C-alpha atoms as a PDB file:
ATOM      1  CA  UNK A   1      -7.476  17.131  43.387  1.00  0.00           C
ATOM      2  CA  UNK A   2      -8.244  15.103  40.252  1.00  0.00           C
ATOM      3  CA  UNK A   3      -4.982  16.243  38.651  1.00  0.00           C
ATOM      4  CA  UNK A   4      -2.999  15.003  41.646  1.00  0.00           C
ATOM      5  CA  UNK A   5      -4.662  11.575  41.515  1.00  0.00           C
ATOM      6  CA  UNK A   6      -3.934  11.258  37.790  1.00  0.00           C
ATOM      7  CA  UNK A   7      -0.328  12.367  38.313  1.00  0.00           C
ATOM      8  CA  UNK A   8       0.185   9.870  41.150  1.00  0.00           C
ATOM      9  CA  UNK A   9      -1.341   7.065  39.051  1.00  0.00           C
ATOM     10  CA  UNK A  10       0.989   7.841  36.130  1.00  0.00           C
ATOM     11  CA  UNK A  11       4.003   8.017  38.452  1.00  0.00           C
ATOM     12  CA  UNK A  12       3.153   4.695  40.119  1.00  0.00           C
ATOM     13  CA  UNK A  13       2.609   3.079  36.718  1.00  0.00           C
ATOM     14  CA  UNK A  14       6.014   4.293  35.549  1.00  0.00           C
ATOM     15  CA  UNK A  15       7.682   2.980  38.722  1.00  0.00           C
ATOM     16  CA  UNK A  16       6.006  -0.392  38.247  1.00  0.00           C
ATOM     17  CA  UNK A  17       7.126  -0.557  34.623  1.00  0.00           C
ATOM     18  CA  UNK A  18      10.749   0.333  35.416  1.00  0.00           C
ATOM     19  CA  UNK A  19      10.845  -2.050  38.371  1.00  0.00           C
ATOM     20  CA  UNK A  20       9.540  -4.849  36.180  1.00  0.00           C
ATOM     21  CA  UNK A  21      12.224  -4.167  33.549  1.00  0.00           C
ATOM     22  CA  UNK A  22      14.994  -4.225  36.156  1.00  0.00           C
ATOM     23  CA  UNK A  23      13.649  -7.402  37.742  1.00  0.00           C
ATOM     24  CA  UNK A  24      13.369  -9.192  34.392  1.00  0.00           C
ATOM     25  CA  UNK A  25      16.915  -8.219  33.430  1.00  0.00           C
ATOM     26  CA  UNK A  26      18.394  -9.639  36.651  1.00  0.00           C
ATOM     27  CA  UNK A  27      16.088 -12.647  37.021  1.00  0.00           C
ATOM     28  CA  UNK A  28      16.728 -13.920  33.501  1.00  0.00           C
ATOM     29  CA  UNK A  29      18.740 -17.131  33.061  1.00  0.00           C
ATOM     30  CA  UNK A  30      19.951 -15.938  29.694  1.00  0.00           C
ATOM     31  CA  UNK A  31      22.754 -13.425  29.257  1.00  0.00           C
ATOM     32  CA  UNK A  32      20.583 -11.156  27.113  1.00  0.00           C
ATOM     33  CA  UNK A  33      17.775  -9.406  29.018  1.00  0.00           C
ATOM     34  CA  UNK A  34      15.516  -9.351  25.958  1.00  0.00           C
ATOM     35  CA  UNK A  35      15.561 -13.118  25.680  1.00  0.00           C
ATOM     36  CA  UNK A  36      14.910 -13.118  21.942  1.00  0.00           C
ATOM     37  CA  UNK A  37      18.271 -14.615  20.978  1.00  0.00           C
ATOM     38  CA  UNK A  38      18.895 -12.048  18.240  1.00  0.00           C
ATOM     39  CA  UNK A  39      22.057 -10.624  19.760  1.00  0.00           C
ATOM     40  CA  UNK A  40      25.430 -12.262  20.275  1.00  0.00           C
ATOM     41  CA  UNK A  41      25.065 -12.578  24.015  1.00  0.00           C
ATOM     42  CA  UNK A  42      28.178 -13.748  25.831  1.00  0.00           C
ATOM     43  CA  UNK A  43      27.870 -16.824  28.044  1.00  0.00           C
ATOM     44  CA  UNK A  44      30.152 -15.891  30.936  1.00  0.00           C
ATOM     45  CA  UNK A  45      29.578 -19.191  32.760  1.00  0.00           C
ATOM     46  CA  UNK A  46      30.870 -21.164  29.787  1.00  0.00           C
ATOM     47  CA  UNK A  47      33.905 -18.905  29.466  1.00  0.00           C
ATOM     48  CA  UNK A  48      34.659 -19.263  33.176  1.00  0.00           C
ATOM     49  CA  UNK A  49      34.446 -23.064  32.933  1.00  0.00           C
ATOM     50  CA  UNK A  50      36.845 -23.054  29.973  1.00  0.00           C
ATOM     51  CA  UNK A  51      39.299 -20.878  31.892  1.00  0.00           C
ATOM     52  CA  UNK A  52      39.198 -23.277  34.861  1.00  0.00           C
ATOM     53  CA  UNK A  53      39.881 -26.238  32.544  1.00  0.00           C
ATOM     54  CA  UNK A  54      42.848 -24.451  30.943  1.00  0.00           C
ATOM     55  CA  UNK A  55      44.242 -23.494  34.366  1.00  0.00           C
ATOM     56  CA  UNK A  56      43.950 -27.098  35.549  1.00  0.00           C
ATOM     57  CA  UNK A  57      45.764 -28.309  32.409  1.00  0.00           C
ATOM     58  CA  UNK A  58      48.531 -25.721  32.941  1.00  0.00           C
ATOM     59  CA  UNK A  59      48.962 -26.790  36.570  1.00  0.00           C
ATOM     60  CA  UNK A  60      49.351 -30.440  35.480  1.00  0.00           C
ATOM     61  CA  UNK A  61      51.986 -29.472  32.904  1.00  0.00           C
ATOM     62  CA  UNK A  62      53.918 -27.286  35.360  1.00  0.00           C
ATOM     63  CA  UNK A  63      53.836 -29.850  38.187  1.00  0.00           C
END
């Protein structure tokens, strides 16, 4: 009985830990889930804005 309680507690703790990691990676405003700024994280929003600007410029030239 005691072994089952310990096993369930460890399993629930592991689920909580993994759930927290997944939540933090998706809830982060930064591109890097670690949030330390040490990696060269890509800012996809900035790239998308630049693409839209270039497309708008190309449409003006072609019109």
